[in-house]
Amino acid sequence: MGFIEKFGLWTEEQQEAARAVLARVGSEGLRTIRVSFVDQHGILHGKTIPASGLAAAFRGGLSCVSTLLSKDTSGTTVFSAFNADGGLGVAEMAGAADVVMVPDPTTFHLVPWAEDTARVLCDLRFQNGEQVPFCSRGVFRTALDRASVAGFTYVTGLEIEFHLYRRASHFPNDDGIGRCTTPTPVEPINQGNQLLSENLGDEVEPATRRIREVLERMGIELRSIEVELGANQLEVTLDPAAGLAPADAMVLLRSTVKQVARRTGYHATFMCRPQITDSKSSGWHLHQSLVSPDSGRNAFVPADGEGAISLVGKQFIAGQLAHASAACVFANPTVNGYKRFQPYSMAPDRIAWARDNRGAMIRLVGSAEDGSTHLENRVGESAANPYLYMASQLHSGLNGVEGSLPLPPSADDPYTTEAGRLPANLAAAVDALEADAGLRRVMGEQFVSYYAAIKRAEVARFERTVTDWEHREYFDLY
């Protein structure tokens, strides 16, 4: 009996998917499988195995070192990994012990840019079969389970902005591997504001077509891809989907865009605001609704057909407003992301909602008549870990429903209305999370303490660093 069967870690759907995957691997002549999990920063890690080893991985999983969960964005280990509790108060992580990557065969997909290669995403388990509490995919699944108990399915649609540049020092060798330079030297593709410009869209069409075709072969069909406001900025959108699927798609989309771009002489970045002329901030707008799993009815649509949104929808928005400051650290997990919160910038700067107004943090959109009523939360940056971003949004909304929170008046002028401000920086966002008992409880006290410690370590490194601005401002003056 293998590890997965011993602890009953797969559903019947996953068991059936595993059999289909193994048959597909044989029939399509696949030779290499990337077995990956998503870390606390939303980045893929894992191992590459021969296709002949996939059946064994489907029985016993694959081990990986637990210290991958102890690192900040620089790869620096934040916790005392060799302590008896791994520095995290968890005996199973003592001495940098292994955890087990458990493949989810329902996520199996091709990696079209690599020859005869596919990938499968994993959940993390301890060697005793228990869920690793710091597995971000597991954190989101817990939120989805909570919604299911309340009688809802969580449906999300994604709008993601990013920047695309030419690599200035690509020069690959005969194997196609370029030079190692950090940060990557790049050259702009275009200049100035370019929102929805067809000419500029045509200019980058060879690159965007390749990205679109690769994603389609992976089973991720883009709703649209277009040039955004800033120079070298693009936006992609995905149709709404339920449960884990949109978060999985976001991780794969981000990784795919970066890898395909790099192989073809470009550099794609989902960093919020690059330090390059004419750059605009990249955001991630999260469209959300709750749906009845039995009837498929949108719970945000008023039953009587009157009004813009149902009582459940109002309470859901009220919950997201109430926890907005605390949830901000999951929607904007980088130091750079907080430079986006500027007035009159198509990004929010305060905690408010409005009907179809792109300046508000929460934009109510859709129609009760056609059943499309939903909310668009515009707070996130494109670098966010999708599982944590979505989990915090879902938990916040459900807190509003369970607490019957009243919805405050809409902000018809969202940049002047009297409303609480979003956190000014990452440190303030961590403070807000730690001060919000309601969100801490549902996200998990252990997980919140862990995540806050990682983010405080990043803030401390940033505050010790001499910036370009400081050098320009003071070097000659004093």
Protein backbone atom coordinates (compact mmCIF):
# COMPACT_ATOMS: atom_id res chain seq x y z
CA MET A 1 0.00 0.00 0.00
CA GLY A 2 1.44 3.36 -1.04
CA PHE A 3 1.47 6.58 0.94
CA ILE A 4 -1.53 8.06 -0.88
CA GLU A 5 -3.73 4.99 -0.44
CA LYS A 6 -2.57 4.41 3.15
CA PHE A 7 -3.81 7.82 4.28
CA GLY A 8 -6.77 8.06 1.88
CA LEU A 9 -5.52 11.27 0.27
CA TRP A 10 -7.31 11.01 -3.08
CA THR A 11 -10.96 11.33 -3.97
CA GLU A 12 -12.57 8.96 -6.45
CA GLU A 13 -12.26 11.69 -9.06
CA GLN A 14 -8.51 11.87 -8.49
CA GLN A 15 -8.16 8.08 -8.65
CA GLU A 16 -9.96 8.02 -12.00
CA ALA A 17 -7.86 10.96 -13.24
CA ALA A 18 -4.65 9.13 -12.27
CA ARG A 19 -5.58 6.11 -14.37
CA ALA A 20 -6.40 8.35 -17.33
CA VAL A 21 -3.14 10.29 -16.94
CA LEU A 22 -0.99 7.15 -16.93
CA ALA A 23 -2.74 5.93 -20.07
CA ARG A 24 -2.22 9.31 -21.72
CA VAL A 25 1.47 9.40 -20.83
CA GLY A 26 1.93 6.09 -22.60
CA SER A 27 -0.16 6.90 -25.66
CA GLU A 28 1.36 10.35 -26.25
CA GLY A 29 4.94 9.26 -25.71
CA LEU A 30 5.66 11.74 -22.93
CA ARG A 31 9.12 11.32 -21.43
CA THR A 32 9.46 13.93 -18.68
CA ILE A 33 7.13 15.01 -15.85
CA ARG A 34 7.52 18.10 -13.70
CA VAL A 35 6.07 17.41 -10.25
CA SER A 36 5.48 20.82 -8.64
CA PHE A 37 3.98 22.53 -5.63
CA VAL A 38 3.27 26.21 -5.05
CA ASP A 39 5.19 27.88 -2.24
CA GLN A 40 4.07 30.65 0.11
CA HIS A 41 4.97 33.29 -2.51
CA GLY A 42 2.99 31.67 -5.32
CA ILE A 43 6.12 30.31 -7.02
CA LEU A 44 6.40 26.77 -8.40
CA HIS A 45 8.98 24.40 -6.90
CA GLY A 46 9.43 20.69 -7.44
CA LYS A 47 11.28 17.88 -9.11
CA THR A 48 11.54 16.52 -12.64
CA ILE A 49 11.13 12.77 -13.10
CA PRO A 50 11.07 10.41 -16.07
CA ALA A 51 7.58 9.51 -17.22
CA SER A 52 8.28 5.92 -16.15
CA GLY A 53 8.40 7.16 -12.55
CA LEU A 54 4.97 8.79 -12.54
CA ALA A 55 3.13 5.65 -11.44
CA ALA A 56 5.36 5.45 -8.36
CA ALA A 57 4.78 9.14 -7.65
CA PHE A 58 1.04 8.46 -7.90
CA ARG A 59 1.45 5.79 -5.22
CA GLY A 60 3.88 7.36 -2.78
CA GLY A 61 4.26 11.02 -3.67
CA LEU A 62 7.69 12.64 -3.78
CA SER A 63 9.67 14.02 -0.86
CA CYS A 64 11.09 17.53 -0.70
CA VAL A 65 12.85 19.51 2.00
CA SER A 66 10.53 21.40 4.34
CA THR A 67 12.83 24.44 4.49
CA LEU A 68 11.32 25.59 1.18
CA LEU A 69 8.42 26.75 3.33
CA SER A 70 10.72 28.76 5.62
CA LYS A 71 12.09 31.21 3.06
CA ASP A 72 11.29 34.78 2.10
CA THR A 73 11.34 36.09 -1.47
CA SER A 74 15.15 36.23 -1.52
CA GLY A 75 15.42 32.53 -0.69
CA THR A 76 16.72 33.40 2.77
CA THR A 77 15.61 30.95 5.47
CA VAL A 78 13.65 33.00 8.02
CA PHE A 79 13.08 30.32 10.67
CA SER A 80 15.50 28.12 12.63
CA ALA A 81 15.03 25.07 10.44
CA PHE A 82 17.34 22.78 12.42
CA ASN A 83 15.55 23.26 15.73
CA ALA A 84 13.44 20.47 17.20
CA ASP A 85 10.33 22.18 15.85
CA GLY A 86 11.78 23.51 12.60
CA GLY A 87 11.56 27.00 14.09
CA LEU A 88 7.82 26.94 13.41
CA GLY A 89 6.50 25.04 16.40
CA VAL A 90 5.90 21.96 14.23
CA ALA A 91 7.58 18.73 15.31
CA GLU A 92 7.20 17.21 11.83
CA MET A 93 9.57 19.87 10.44
CA ALA A 94 12.36 19.23 13.00
CA GLY A 95 15.86 19.36 11.59
CA ALA A 96 14.75 20.45 8.11
CA ALA A 97 12.83 17.20 7.67
CA ASP A 98 11.17 16.19 4.43
CA VAL A 99 7.54 16.74 3.55
CA VAL A 100 5.68 14.83 0.84
CA MET A 101 4.48 16.30 -2.44
CA VAL A 102 1.19 14.53 -3.19
CA PRO A 103 0.28 14.89 -6.89
CA ASP A 104 -3.23 15.98 -7.82
CA PRO A 105 -3.76 14.11 -11.10
CA THR A 106 -6.71 16.38 -12.03
CA THR A 107 -4.13 19.15 -12.63
CA PHE A 108 -2.05 17.18 -15.16
CA HIS A 109 -1.24 19.22 -18.29
CA LEU A 110 1.32 19.47 -21.07
CA VAL A 111 4.33 21.79 -20.92
CA PRO A 112 4.24 22.64 -24.65
CA TRP A 113 7.48 24.64 -24.81
CA ALA A 114 9.52 21.70 -23.46
CA GLU A 115 9.82 18.57 -25.61
CA ASP A 116 7.67 15.57 -24.52
CA THR A 117 7.06 17.15 -21.11
CA ALA A 118 4.05 17.50 -18.80
CA ARG A 119 3.44 18.78 -15.28
CA VAL A 120 1.25 17.92 -12.31
CA LEU A 121 0.57 20.14 -9.29
CA CYS A 122 0.86 18.83 -5.74
CA ASP A 123 -0.43 19.35 -2.22
CA LEU A 124 1.96 19.08 0.72
CA ARG A 125 1.60 16.48 3.48
CA PHE A 126 3.70 15.51 6.46
CA GLN A 127 5.07 11.99 6.54
CA ASN A 128 2.26 11.01 8.93
CA GLY A 129 -0.28 11.96 6.26
CA GLU A 130 -1.42 15.18 7.92
CA GLN A 131 -1.86 18.33 5.85
CA VAL A 132 1.03 20.78 6.06
CA PRO A 133 -0.57 23.92 7.54
CA PHE A 134 1.68 26.18 5.47
CA CYS A 135 0.63 24.71 2.10
CA SER A 136 -1.12 27.63 0.42
CA ARG A 137 -3.21 25.37 -1.82
CA GLY A 138 -4.48 23.68 1.35
CA VAL A 139 -5.26 27.06 2.92
CA PHE A 140 -7.50 27.94 -0.02
CA ARG A 141 -9.13 24.51 0.02
CA THR A 142 -10.10 25.09 3.67
CA ALA A 143 -11.82 28.34 2.65
CA LEU A 144 -13.65 26.56 -0.18
CA ASP A 145 -14.79 23.86 2.27
CA ARG A 146 -16.15 26.57 4.56
CA ALA A 147 -18.11 28.06 1.65
CA SER A 148 -19.45 24.61 0.76
CA VAL A 149 -20.73 24.04 4.30
CA ALA A 150 -22.50 27.41 4.05
CA GLY A 151 -24.16 26.25 0.81
CA PHE A 152 -22.02 28.12 -1.71
CA THR A 153 -19.54 27.50 -4.51
CA TYR A 154 -16.97 30.26 -4.97
CA VAL A 155 -16.63 31.44 -8.58
CA THR A 156 -13.84 33.76 -9.71
CA GLY A 157 -12.73 35.41 -12.94
CA LEU A 158 -9.28 36.93 -13.41
CA GLU A 159 -7.85 40.08 -14.99
CA ILE A 160 -4.04 40.14 -14.75
CA GLU A 161 -1.63 42.83 -15.92
CA PHE A 162 2.10 42.36 -16.56
CA HIS A 163 5.01 43.91 -18.44
CA LEU A 164 6.86 42.42 -21.42
CA TYR A 165 10.35 43.60 -22.47
CA ARG A 166 13.11 42.42 -24.77
CA ARG A 167 16.06 40.77 -23.01
CA ALA A 168 19.09 42.96 -23.71
CA SER A 169 21.62 40.16 -23.08
CA HIS A 170 19.79 37.09 -24.34
CA PHE A 171 22.63 35.64 -26.47
CA PRO A 172 21.90 31.96 -25.74
CA ASN A 173 24.52 29.32 -26.23
CA ASP A 174 23.98 26.31 -28.49
CA ASP A 175 21.61 24.77 -25.94
CA GLY A 176 19.46 27.92 -25.87
CA ILE A 177 20.51 28.92 -22.34
CA GLY A 178 21.07 32.66 -21.92
CA ARG A 179 23.39 34.62 -19.65
CA CYS A 180 22.80 34.83 -15.91
CA THR A 181 22.35 38.49 -14.96
CA THR A 182 20.38 39.94 -12.04
CA PRO A 183 18.34 42.00 -12.40
CA THR A 184 17.65 41.02 -15.98
CA PRO A 185 18.82 43.78 -18.37
CA VAL A 186 15.93 44.67 -20.66
CA GLU A 187 15.06 46.98 -23.53
CA PRO A 188 11.61 48.60 -23.86
CA ILE A 189 9.40 47.49 -26.72
CA ASN A 190 7.42 50.75 -26.85
CA GLN A 191 6.99 54.07 -25.06
CA GLY A 192 4.20 56.22 -23.63
CA ASN A 193 0.59 55.35 -22.87
CA GLN A 194 -0.84 52.67 -25.14
CA LEU A 195 -4.24 51.54 -23.81
CA LEU A 196 -5.88 49.15 -26.30
CA SER A 197 -3.76 50.44 -29.17
CA GLU A 198 -4.20 48.11 -32.13
CA ASN A 199 -0.92 49.21 -33.71
CA LEU A 200 1.06 48.44 -30.57
CA GLY A 201 -0.92 45.24 -30.12
CA ASP A 202 0.14 44.17 -33.60
CA GLU A 203 3.74 45.04 -32.77
CA VAL A 204 3.85 42.45 -29.96
CA GLU A 205 1.48 39.99 -31.65
CA PRO A 206 4.17 37.39 -32.43
CA ALA A 207 4.92 37.13 -28.72
CA THR A 208 1.33 37.27 -27.51
CA ARG A 209 0.20 34.71 -30.10
CA ARG A 210 2.84 32.28 -28.88
CA ILE A 211 1.73 32.80 -25.27
CA ARG A 212 -1.92 32.30 -26.17
CA GLU A 213 -1.29 29.13 -28.19
CA VAL A 214 0.86 27.57 -25.47
CA LEU A 215 -1.75 28.29 -22.79
CA GLU A 216 -4.50 26.79 -24.96
CA ARG A 217 -2.50 23.57 -25.31
CA MET A 218 -2.31 23.48 -21.52
CA GLY A 219 -6.09 23.84 -21.22
CA ILE A 220 -6.04 27.52 -20.22
CA GLU A 221 -8.03 29.47 -22.80
CA LEU A 222 -7.64 33.24 -22.58
CA ARG A 223 -10.78 35.31 -22.77
CA SER A 224 -8.68 38.20 -24.10
CA ILE A 225 -5.14 39.54 -24.32
CA GLU A 226 -4.59 43.23 -24.93
CA VAL A 227 -2.16 46.10 -24.49
CA GLU A 228 -2.68 47.99 -21.24
CA LEU A 229 -2.15 51.62 -20.24
CA GLY A 230 1.59 51.70 -19.58
CA ALA A 231 4.45 51.14 -21.96
CA ASN A 232 5.30 47.45 -22.43
CA GLN A 233 2.21 46.52 -20.38
CA LEU A 234 -0.26 43.76 -21.29
CA GLU A 235 -3.41 42.36 -19.72
CA VAL A 236 -4.92 38.88 -19.96
CA THR A 237 -8.35 37.81 -18.74
CA LEU A 238 -9.83 34.40 -17.97
CA ASP A 239 -13.46 33.31 -17.92
CA PRO A 240 -15.03 32.63 -14.49
CA ALA A 241 -14.52 29.19 -12.99
CA ALA A 242 -15.21 27.52 -9.67
CA GLY A 243 -13.09 26.33 -6.77
CA LEU A 244 -9.35 25.69 -7.00
CA ALA A 245 -9.21 25.83 -10.79
CA PRO A 246 -8.75 29.63 -11.21
CA ALA A 247 -5.96 29.71 -8.61
CA ASP A 248 -4.21 26.79 -10.31
CA ALA A 249 -4.66 28.55 -13.66
CA MET A 250 -3.13 31.77 -12.32
CA VAL A 251 0.00 30.01 -11.06
CA LEU A 252 0.42 28.16 -14.35
CA LEU A 253 -0.30 31.26 -16.44
CA ARG A 254 2.31 33.33 -14.63
CA SER A 255 4.95 30.61 -14.86
CA THR A 256 4.14 29.87 -18.49
CA VAL A 257 4.30 33.51 -19.60
CA LYS A 258 7.69 33.96 -17.93
CA GLN A 259 9.18 30.73 -19.29
CA VAL A 260 7.87 31.15 -22.85
CA ALA A 261 9.02 34.79 -22.89
CA ARG A 262 12.51 33.88 -21.68
CA ARG A 263 12.95 31.16 -24.29
CA THR A 264 12.05 33.59 -27.08
CA GLY A 265 14.26 36.52 -26.06
CA TYR A 266 11.79 38.43 -23.90
CA HIS A 267 11.43 39.09 -20.19
CA ALA A 268 7.95 39.08 -18.62
CA THR A 269 7.47 40.44 -15.12
CA PHE A 270 4.45 40.41 -12.84
CA MET A 271 6.18 42.82 -10.45
CA CYS A 272 3.74 45.61 -9.70
CA ARG A 273 5.73 48.67 -10.79
CA PRO A 274 9.10 48.23 -12.55
CA GLN A 275 11.64 51.06 -12.32
CA ILE A 276 11.55 51.68 -16.07
CA THR A 277 10.40 54.84 -17.86
CA ASP A 278 6.65 55.06 -18.61
CA SER A 279 5.87 52.03 -16.46
CA LYS A 280 2.43 51.88 -14.88
CA SER A 281 1.45 49.70 -11.95
CA SER A 282 0.17 46.20 -12.73
CA GLY A 283 -2.91 45.06 -10.85
CA TRP A 284 -4.91 41.88 -10.53
CA HIS A 285 -8.67 42.43 -10.50
CA LEU A 286 -10.53 39.53 -8.92
CA HIS A 287 -14.13 39.01 -10.06
CA GLN A 288 -16.17 37.03 -7.52
CA SER A 289 -19.59 35.53 -6.94
CA LEU A 290 -21.22 32.82 -4.85
CA VAL A 291 -23.27 30.16 -6.62
CA SER A 292 -25.61 27.47 -5.36
CA PRO A 293 -23.98 24.10 -6.13
CA ASP A 294 -27.42 22.47 -6.61
CA SER A 295 -29.27 24.96 -8.77
CA GLY A 296 -26.35 26.90 -10.19
CA ARG A 297 -28.13 30.10 -9.21
CA ASN A 298 -26.00 33.19 -8.56
CA ALA A 299 -26.52 34.06 -4.88
CA PHE A 300 -25.72 37.73 -5.57
CA VAL A 301 -28.80 38.13 -7.78
CA PRO A 302 -31.88 39.36 -5.82
CA ALA A 303 -34.58 36.69 -5.68
CA ASP A 304 -37.32 39.26 -6.30
CA GLY A 305 -35.52 40.77 -9.27
CA GLU A 306 -35.34 44.16 -7.60
CA GLY A 307 -32.19 46.05 -6.73
CA ALA A 308 -28.65 45.65 -7.92
CA ILE A 309 -27.52 42.90 -5.54
CA SER A 310 -28.99 40.46 -3.02
CA LEU A 311 -28.72 40.69 0.75
CA VAL A 312 -26.10 37.91 0.70
CA GLY A 313 -24.12 39.90 -1.85
CA LYS A 314 -24.32 43.07 0.24
CA GLN A 315 -23.11 41.20 3.32
CA PHE A 316 -20.29 39.59 1.32
CA ILE A 317 -19.08 43.01 0.16
CA ALA A 318 -19.42 44.36 3.71
CA GLY A 319 -17.19 41.54 4.96
CA GLN A 320 -14.51 42.30 2.39
CA LEU A 321 -14.60 45.96 3.37
CA ALA A 322 -14.40 45.11 7.07
CA HIS A 323 -11.30 42.95 6.59
CA ALA A 324 -9.76 44.92 3.71
CA SER A 325 -6.75 46.22 5.62
CA ALA A 326 -5.92 42.80 7.09
CA ALA A 327 -6.44 40.93 3.81
CA CYS A 328 -4.24 43.45 1.96
CA VAL A 329 -1.05 41.59 2.87
CA PHE A 330 -2.30 38.57 0.89
CA ALA A 331 -3.49 40.68 -2.07
CA ASN A 332 -0.30 42.79 -2.06
CA PRO A 333 2.51 40.68 -0.59
CA THR A 334 5.45 42.75 -1.87
CA VAL A 335 7.07 46.02 -0.78
CA ASN A 336 6.65 47.28 -4.33
CA GLY A 337 2.89 46.60 -4.53
CA TYR A 338 1.91 49.47 -2.22
CA LYS A 339 3.21 52.06 -4.68
CA ARG A 340 0.10 51.27 -6.73
CA PHE A 341 -2.40 52.79 -4.26
CA GLN A 342 -2.58 56.27 -5.76
CA PRO A 343 -5.64 58.53 -6.25
CA TYR A 344 -7.05 58.93 -9.78
CA SER A 345 -4.90 56.09 -11.03
CA MET A 346 -7.44 53.35 -11.88
CA ALA A 347 -6.32 51.74 -8.61
CA PRO A 348 -7.96 52.20 -5.20
CA ASP A 349 -6.46 54.21 -2.37
CA ARG A 350 -9.19 53.67 0.24
CA ILE A 351 -11.66 51.07 1.46
CA ALA A 352 -14.91 51.69 -0.40
CA TRP A 353 -17.31 50.18 -2.91
CA ALA A 354 -19.31 51.65 -5.77
CA ARG A 355 -21.53 50.63 -8.64
CA ASP A 356 -19.44 50.26 -11.82
CA ASN A 357 -16.71 52.68 -10.74
CA ARG A 358 -13.11 51.67 -11.44
CA GLY A 359 -11.77 53.99 -8.76
CA ALA A 360 -13.35 52.01 -5.94
CA MET A 361 -11.70 49.07 -4.22
CA ILE A 362 -14.82 46.98 -4.84
CA ARG A 363 -16.70 47.56 -8.08
CA LEU A 364 -20.20 46.11 -8.34
CA VAL A 365 -20.77 44.97 -11.92
CA GLY A 366 -23.09 42.76 -13.94
CA SER A 367 -26.84 42.64 -14.27
CA ALA A 368 -29.55 41.13 -12.09
CA GLU A 369 -31.67 40.70 -15.23
CA ASP A 370 -29.25 38.28 -16.88
CA GLY A 371 -27.95 36.77 -13.63
CA SER A 372 -24.41 38.14 -13.99
CA THR A 373 -24.26 40.27 -10.83
CA HIS A 374 -20.85 39.99 -9.22
CA LEU A 375 -18.17 42.06 -7.54
CA GLU A 376 -14.73 42.99 -8.81
CA ASN A 377 -12.16 43.56 -6.08
CA ARG A 378 -9.44 45.77 -7.55
CA VAL A 379 -7.06 45.71 -4.58
CA GLY A 380 -4.58 43.02 -5.66
CA GLU A 381 -1.23 43.14 -7.42
CA SER A 382 -0.26 40.62 -10.09
CA ALA A 383 2.47 39.09 -7.91
CA ALA A 384 0.00 37.83 -5.28
CA ASN A 385 -0.13 34.15 -4.33
CA PRO A 386 -3.53 33.28 -5.85
CA TYR A 387 -4.48 30.72 -3.20
CA LEU A 388 -3.88 33.17 -0.36
CA TYR A 389 -5.43 36.14 -2.18
CA MET A 390 -8.59 34.17 -2.94
CA ALA A 391 -8.75 32.49 0.46
CA SER A 392 -8.55 35.82 2.28
CA GLN A 393 -11.21 37.35 0.03
CA LEU A 394 -13.54 34.38 0.45
CA HIS A 395 -13.10 34.21 4.22
CA SER A 396 -13.66 37.97 4.52
CA GLY A 397 -16.87 37.79 2.51
CA LEU A 398 -18.16 34.78 4.43
CA ASN A 399 -17.47 36.59 7.70
CA GLY A 400 -19.72 39.34 6.43
CA VAL A 401 -22.49 36.88 5.54
CA GLU A 402 -22.26 34.99 8.83
CA GLY A 403 -22.15 38.24 10.82
CA SER A 404 -24.96 39.86 8.78
CA LEU A 405 -22.76 42.92 8.33
CA PRO A 406 -24.53 46.00 6.92
CA LEU A 407 -23.24 47.45 3.68
CA PRO A 408 -22.12 51.10 4.00
CA PRO A 409 -23.21 53.67 1.39
CA SER A 410 -21.55 53.48 -2.00
CA ALA A 411 -18.70 55.84 -2.77
CA ASP A 412 -19.83 57.65 -5.91
CA ASP A 413 -16.56 59.63 -5.85
CA PRO A 414 -14.18 56.98 -4.46
CA TYR A 415 -11.10 59.24 -4.34
CA THR A 416 -12.73 61.90 -2.12
CA THR A 417 -15.25 59.96 -0.05
CA GLU A 418 -14.70 59.61 3.68
CA ALA A 419 -13.42 56.06 4.07
CA GLY A 420 -10.55 54.20 5.67
CA ARG A 421 -7.30 54.19 3.73
CA LEU A 422 -5.61 51.04 2.51
CA PRO A 423 -2.31 50.23 4.25
CA ALA A 424 0.47 52.55 3.12
CA ASN A 425 3.13 49.84 3.00
CA LEU A 426 3.78 46.15 3.60
CA ALA A 427 4.67 46.64 7.27
CA ALA A 428 1.36 48.40 7.93
CA ALA A 429 -0.48 45.59 6.14
CA VAL A 430 1.16 42.97 8.38
CA ASP A 431 0.18 45.05 11.43
CA ALA A 432 -3.41 45.14 10.19
CA LEU A 433 -3.48 41.36 9.73
CA GLU A 434 -2.16 40.71 13.20
CA ALA A 435 -4.73 43.13 14.67
CA ASP A 436 -7.71 41.48 12.93
CA ALA A 437 -8.84 38.63 15.18
CA GLY A 438 -11.69 37.67 12.85
CA LEU A 439 -9.51 37.10 9.79
CA ARG A 440 -6.72 35.51 11.84
CA ARG A 441 -9.16 32.96 13.20
CA VAL A 442 -10.50 31.80 9.82
CA MET A 443 -7.13 31.92 8.00
CA GLY A 444 -5.62 29.99 10.93
CA GLU A 445 -3.64 31.47 13.81
CA GLN A 446 -0.65 29.24 13.09
CA PHE A 447 -0.60 30.15 9.40
CA VAL A 448 -1.02 33.89 10.06
CA SER A 449 1.87 33.93 12.56
CA TYR A 450 4.05 32.07 10.05
CA TYR A 451 3.15 34.32 7.11
CA ALA A 452 3.53 37.53 9.11
CA ALA A 453 7.02 36.48 10.23
CA ILE A 454 8.10 35.88 6.62
CA LYS A 455 6.76 39.26 5.53
CA ARG A 456 8.38 41.06 8.46
CA ALA A 457 11.70 39.50 7.45
CA GLU A 458 11.29 40.92 3.93
CA VAL A 459 10.43 44.36 5.33
CA ALA A 460 13.50 44.27 7.59
CA ARG A 461 15.78 43.45 4.64
CA PHE A 462 14.23 46.30 2.64
CA GLU A 463 14.68 48.80 5.45
CA ARG A 464 18.37 47.88 5.78
CA THR A 465 18.96 48.47 2.06
CA VAL A 466 20.21 51.80 0.70
CA THR A 467 17.89 52.72 -2.18
CA ASP A 468 18.67 54.60 -5.40
CA TRP A 469 16.49 57.46 -4.16
CA GLU A 470 18.51 57.87 -0.96
CA HIS A 471 21.77 57.92 -2.85
CA ARG A 472 20.55 60.53 -5.37
CA GLU A 473 18.96 62.66 -2.66
CA TYR A 474 21.78 62.83 -0.12
CA PHE A 475 25.11 61.82 -1.69
CA ASP A 476 25.97 65.28 -3.04
CA LEU A 477 23.78 67.37 -0.73
CA TYR A 478 25.48 66.38 2.53
